Amino acid sequence: MAALVGSRHNPILKAFYQKLLAAGKPKKVALVACMRKLLVILNAMMKHDHEWHYEPA
């Protein structure tokens, strides 16, 4: 559920999801890739003891 909401509202995951869809990936495959990306981000945050902050370019 977190990846589903993130792919709609989180700027980083939304851009990643849209990029995968544009590349021709099925929606479910793109969503699973977002799940993995979210887990990698959260794992890195825990490992380095950082809080989430988004700085737009």
Protein backbone atom coordinates (compact mmCIF):
# COMPACT_ATOMS: atom_id res chain seq x y z
CA MET A 1 0.00 0.00 0.00
CA ALA A 2 2.86 2.38 0.75
CA ALA A 3 4.28 1.91 -2.74
CA LEU A 4 0.86 2.45 -4.30
CA VAL A 5 0.33 5.73 -2.45
CA GLY A 6 3.95 6.72 -3.02
CA SER A 7 3.68 6.16 -6.76
CA ARG A 8 0.82 8.65 -6.79
CA HIS A 9 1.99 11.32 -4.33
CA ASN A 10 5.74 11.03 -3.62
CA PRO A 11 7.64 13.04 -6.26
CA ILE A 12 10.58 10.62 -6.40
CA LEU A 13 8.51 7.43 -6.65
CA LYS A 14 5.98 9.07 -8.98
CA ALA A 15 8.70 10.04 -11.47
CA PHE A 16 10.24 6.56 -11.25
CA TYR A 17 6.84 4.88 -11.78
CA GLN A 18 6.01 7.11 -14.76
CA LYS A 19 9.44 6.44 -16.29
CA LEU A 20 8.88 2.69 -16.07
CA LEU A 21 5.41 2.96 -17.60
CA ALA A 22 6.80 5.10 -20.43
CA ALA A 23 9.39 2.38 -21.05
CA GLY A 24 6.55 -0.08 -21.65
CA LYS A 25 6.57 -1.95 -18.34
CA PRO A 26 3.25 -3.37 -17.13
CA LYS A 27 1.69 -1.44 -14.25
CA LYS A 28 2.13 -4.24 -11.73
CA VAL A 29 5.82 -4.66 -12.63
CA ALA A 30 6.36 -0.91 -12.23
CA LEU A 31 4.60 -0.97 -8.86
CA VAL A 32 6.77 -3.83 -7.61
CA ALA A 33 9.85 -1.88 -8.70
CA CYS A 34 8.55 1.07 -6.64
CA MET A 35 8.11 -1.27 -3.68
CA ARG A 36 11.72 -2.32 -3.93
CA LYS A 37 12.95 1.26 -4.39
CA LEU A 38 10.98 2.36 -1.32
CA LEU A 39 12.50 -0.47 0.73
CA VAL A 40 16.01 0.47 -0.41
CA ILE A 41 15.41 4.13 0.49
CA LEU A 42 13.99 3.24 3.90
CA ASN A 43 16.80 0.78 4.61
CA ALA A 44 19.41 3.43 3.80
CA MET A 45 17.59 5.92 6.04
CA MET A 46 17.67 3.47 8.95
CA LYS A 47 21.29 2.50 8.32
CA HIS A 48 22.52 6.10 8.30
CA ASP A 49 20.02 7.37 10.90
CA HIS A 50 18.51 10.01 8.59
CA GLU A 51 15.03 11.43 8.44
CA TRP A 52 13.12 11.82 5.18
CA HIS A 53 13.52 15.18 3.50
CA TYR A 54 12.81 16.04 -0.09
CA GLU A 55 14.61 18.88 -1.78
CA PRO A 56 13.22 19.61 -5.24
CA ALA A 57 15.80 20.33 -7.92
